Amino acid sequence: QEEEQAKGGPTGGGPVPGEGAATAAAGGDSDGDALMSARAKLFYKKGEGFADLGVGTLKVLQSTGGDSEVQLLLRSETKLGNILMNIRVTSSVPVSTKANNLLLVSVPNPPLVLGKKKTG
């Protein structure tokens, strides 16, 4: 399992959870489905420290699995809006917070591609 850390918070008057504020669409995701949207930076566990994977818009979406499940979707800020993280978080997943940091352990989805394989 890999550790992933999403760092960030609402920026520039962004929506506050529970206020029902609309969020900006990122790559075709429906605004109405987002419980919260914030700018975030994604890290993964590498050795004794953390390595940066990218910056983008993190959306917390209500999962189809029920009220005890949410989906975390992080799309990069690039023009393509590549998916950096797309995972489900249930009530059984240990999550810790400290200031603007959220730390959770999960199997990375999409899988981490840390280097290109040499061909030939």
C-alpha atoms as a PDB file:
ATOM      1  CA  GLN A   1       0.000   0.000   0.000  1.00  0.00           C
ATOM      2  CA  GLU A   2       1.112   3.539  -0.677  1.00  0.00           C
ATOM      3  CA  GLU A   3       0.549   6.538   1.559  1.00  0.00           C
ATOM      4  CA  GLU A   4      -0.944   9.553  -0.099  1.00  0.00           C
ATOM      5  CA  GLN A   5      -1.201  13.025   1.338  1.00  0.00           C
ATOM      6  CA  ALA A   6      -3.445  15.718  -0.064  1.00  0.00           C
ATOM      7  CA  LYS A   7      -2.411  19.151   1.110  1.00  0.00           C
ATOM      8  CA  GLY A   8      -4.377  22.310   0.650  1.00  0.00           C
ATOM      9  CA  GLY A   9      -7.637  23.968   1.365  1.00  0.00           C
ATOM     10  CA  PRO A  10     -10.235  26.230  -0.141  1.00  0.00           C
ATOM     11  CA  THR A  11      -8.589  29.141  -1.912  1.00  0.00           C
ATOM     12  CA  GLY A  12      -9.806  32.518  -3.005  1.00  0.00           C
ATOM     13  CA  GLY A  13     -13.260  32.386  -1.427  1.00  0.00           C
ATOM     14  CA  GLY A  14     -13.865  28.789  -2.494  1.00  0.00           C
ATOM     15  CA  PRO A  15     -16.868  26.810  -1.346  1.00  0.00           C
ATOM     16  CA  VAL A  16     -17.212  25.881   2.287  1.00  0.00           C
ATOM     17  CA  PRO A  17     -18.544  22.392   3.053  1.00  0.00           C
ATOM     18  CA  GLY A  18     -22.168  22.455   4.100  1.00  0.00           C
ATOM     19  CA  GLU A  19     -22.980  25.779   2.459  1.00  0.00           C
ATOM     20  CA  GLY A  20     -24.101  24.225  -0.843  1.00  0.00           C
ATOM     21  CA  ALA A  21     -21.859  26.505  -2.917  1.00  0.00           C
ATOM     22  CA  ALA A  22     -21.383  25.514  -6.550  1.00  0.00           C
ATOM     23  CA  THR A  23     -17.900  24.420  -7.577  1.00  0.00           C
ATOM     24  CA  ALA A  24     -16.017  24.845 -10.818  1.00  0.00           C
ATOM     25  CA  ALA A  25     -16.281  21.902 -13.196  1.00  0.00           C
ATOM     26  CA  ALA A  26     -13.063  19.992 -13.801  1.00  0.00           C
ATOM     27  CA  GLY A  27     -13.071  17.782 -16.840  1.00  0.00           C
ATOM     28  CA  GLY A  28     -16.777  17.093 -17.097  1.00  0.00           C
ATOM     29  CA  ASP A  29     -17.480  16.245 -13.462  1.00  0.00           C
ATOM     30  CA  SER A  30     -20.892  17.441 -12.402  1.00  0.00           C
ATOM     31  CA  ASP A  31     -20.951  20.451 -10.079  1.00  0.00           C
ATOM     32  CA  GLY A  32     -24.009  19.147  -8.238  1.00  0.00           C
ATOM     33  CA  ASP A  33     -22.233  15.949  -7.160  1.00  0.00           C
ATOM     34  CA  ALA A  34     -19.369  17.684  -5.329  1.00  0.00           C
ATOM     35  CA  LEU A  35     -19.709  17.963  -1.554  1.00  0.00           C
ATOM     36  CA  MET A  36     -16.558  20.089  -1.511  1.00  0.00           C
ATOM     37  CA  SER A  37     -13.941  21.347  -3.930  1.00  0.00           C
ATOM     38  CA  ALA A  38     -10.485  22.710  -3.103  1.00  0.00           C
ATOM     39  CA  ARG A  39      -7.063  23.245  -4.618  1.00  0.00           C
ATOM     40  CA  ALA A  40      -4.700  20.547  -3.328  1.00  0.00           C
ATOM     41  CA  LYS A  41      -1.210  19.134  -3.701  1.00  0.00           C
ATOM     42  CA  LEU A  42      -0.731  15.346  -3.774  1.00  0.00           C
ATOM     43  CA  PHE A  43       2.231  13.588  -2.185  1.00  0.00           C
ATOM     44  CA  TYR A  44       3.111   9.893  -1.978  1.00  0.00           C
ATOM     45  CA  LYS A  45       5.331   8.028   0.495  1.00  0.00           C
ATOM     46  CA  LYS A  46       8.861   7.625  -0.843  1.00  0.00           C
ATOM     47  CA  GLY A  47      11.407   6.169   1.554  1.00  0.00           C
ATOM     48  CA  GLU A  48      11.337   8.104   4.809  1.00  0.00           C
ATOM     49  CA  GLY A  49       9.730  11.209   3.292  1.00  0.00           C
ATOM     50  CA  PHE A  50       7.110  12.299   0.794  1.00  0.00           C
ATOM     51  CA  ALA A  51       7.470  13.140  -2.903  1.00  0.00           C
ATOM     52  CA  ASP A  52       5.294  15.607  -4.821  1.00  0.00           C
ATOM     53  CA  LEU A  53       2.988  14.095  -7.449  1.00  0.00           C
ATOM     54  CA  GLY A  54       1.154  17.214  -8.592  1.00  0.00           C
ATOM     55  CA  VAL A  55      -1.265  20.066  -7.916  1.00  0.00           C
ATOM     56  CA  GLY A  56      -4.898  20.236  -8.929  1.00  0.00           C
ATOM     57  CA  THR A  57      -8.540  20.459  -7.934  1.00  0.00           C
ATOM     58  CA  LEU A  58      -9.636  17.972  -5.280  1.00  0.00           C
ATOM     59  CA  LYS A  59     -13.337  17.133  -5.260  1.00  0.00           C
ATOM     60  CA  VAL A  60     -15.125  15.210  -2.551  1.00  0.00           C
ATOM     61  CA  LEU A  61     -18.022  13.394  -4.219  1.00  0.00           C
ATOM     62  CA  GLN A  62     -20.836  11.389  -2.654  1.00  0.00           C
ATOM     63  CA  SER A  63     -20.215   7.749  -3.546  1.00  0.00           C
ATOM     64  CA  THR A  64     -22.882   5.385  -4.804  1.00  0.00           C
ATOM     65  CA  GLY A  65     -21.977   3.067  -1.910  1.00  0.00           C
ATOM     66  CA  GLY A  66     -24.001   5.015   0.641  1.00  0.00           C
ATOM     67  CA  ASP A  67     -23.595   7.789   3.176  1.00  0.00           C
ATOM     68  CA  SER A  68     -20.523   6.231   4.803  1.00  0.00           C
ATOM     69  CA  GLU A  69     -18.531   6.374   1.542  1.00  0.00           C
ATOM     70  CA  VAL A  70     -17.086   9.292  -0.418  1.00  0.00           C
ATOM     71  CA  GLN A  71     -14.972   9.488  -3.547  1.00  0.00           C
ATOM     72  CA  LEU A  72     -11.850  11.675  -3.684  1.00  0.00           C
ATOM     73  CA  LEU A  73     -11.078  12.873  -7.201  1.00  0.00           C
ATOM     74  CA  LEU A  74      -7.989  15.001  -7.861  1.00  0.00           C
ATOM     75  CA  ARG A  75      -7.426  16.374 -11.373  1.00  0.00           C
ATOM     76  CA  SER A  76      -4.220  18.176 -12.358  1.00  0.00           C
ATOM     77  CA  GLU A  77      -4.233  21.857 -13.224  1.00  0.00           C
ATOM     78  CA  THR A  78      -2.875  21.180 -16.711  1.00  0.00           C
ATOM     79  CA  LYS A  79      -4.960  21.750 -19.828  1.00  0.00           C
ATOM     80  CA  LEU A  80      -5.592  17.999 -20.066  1.00  0.00           C
ATOM     81  CA  GLY A  81      -6.762  17.735 -16.455  1.00  0.00           C
ATOM     82  CA  ASN A  82      -5.211  14.302 -15.930  1.00  0.00           C
ATOM     83  CA  ILE A  83      -6.522  12.310 -12.983  1.00  0.00           C
ATOM     84  CA  LEU A  84      -3.901  12.246 -10.227  1.00  0.00           C
ATOM     85  CA  MET A  85      -6.054  10.367  -7.702  1.00  0.00           C
ATOM     86  CA  ASN A  86      -9.465   8.702  -7.814  1.00  0.00           C
ATOM     87  CA  ILE A  87     -10.225   6.652  -4.707  1.00  0.00           C
ATOM     88  CA  ARG A  88     -13.135   5.699  -2.466  1.00  0.00           C
ATOM     89  CA  VAL A  89     -12.858   6.411   1.224  1.00  0.00           C
ATOM     90  CA  THR A  90     -15.063   4.495   3.642  1.00  0.00           C
ATOM     91  CA  SER A  91     -15.555   5.027   7.351  1.00  0.00           C
ATOM     92  CA  SER A  92     -13.074   2.172   7.995  1.00  0.00           C
ATOM     93  CA  VAL A  93     -10.158   4.003   6.287  1.00  0.00           C
ATOM     94  CA  PRO A  94      -7.883   5.647   8.872  1.00  0.00           C
ATOM     95  CA  VAL A  95      -7.607   9.365   8.123  1.00  0.00           C
ATOM     96  CA  SER A  96      -5.587  11.900  10.099  1.00  0.00           C
ATOM     97  CA  THR A  97      -5.546  15.662   9.755  1.00  0.00           C
ATOM     98  CA  LYS A  98      -3.102  18.317  10.868  1.00  0.00           C
ATOM     99  CA  ALA A  99      -3.627  21.975   9.901  1.00  0.00           C
ATOM    100  CA  ASN A 100      -4.289  21.914   6.136  1.00  0.00           C
ATOM    101  CA  ASN A 101      -2.952  18.358   5.669  1.00  0.00           C
ATOM    102  CA  LEU A 102      -4.971  15.193   5.188  1.00  0.00           C
ATOM    103  CA  LEU A 103      -3.124  11.880   5.479  1.00  0.00           C
ATOM    104  CA  LEU A 104      -4.626   8.565   4.416  1.00  0.00           C
ATOM    105  CA  VAL A 105      -3.402   5.164   3.303  1.00  0.00           C
ATOM    106  CA  SER A 106      -4.757   3.626   0.114  1.00  0.00           C
ATOM    107  CA  VAL A 107      -3.869   1.686  -2.983  1.00  0.00           C
ATOM    108  CA  PRO A 108      -3.121   4.397  -5.559  1.00  0.00           C
ATOM    109  CA  ASN A 109      -5.623   4.765  -8.369  1.00  0.00           C
ATOM    110  CA  PRO A 110      -4.491   5.408 -11.063  1.00  0.00           C
ATOM    111  CA  PRO A 111      -1.294   3.429 -10.321  1.00  0.00           C
ATOM    112  CA  LEU A 112       1.853   5.456  -9.696  1.00  0.00           C
ATOM    113  CA  VAL A 113       4.126   5.745 -12.729  1.00  0.00           C
ATOM    114  CA  LEU A 114       7.367   7.072 -11.304  1.00  0.00           C
ATOM    115  CA  GLY A 115       9.729   6.601 -14.215  1.00  0.00           C
ATOM    116  CA  LYS A 116       9.704   5.629 -17.842  1.00  0.00           C
ATOM    117  CA  LYS A 117      10.997   2.207 -18.818  1.00  0.00           C
ATOM    118  CA  LYS A 118      13.918   2.170 -21.213  1.00  0.00           C
ATOM    119  CA  THR A 119      13.154   0.509 -24.512  1.00  0.00           C
ATOM    120  CA  GLY A 120      15.653  -1.167 -26.823  1.00  0.00           C
END
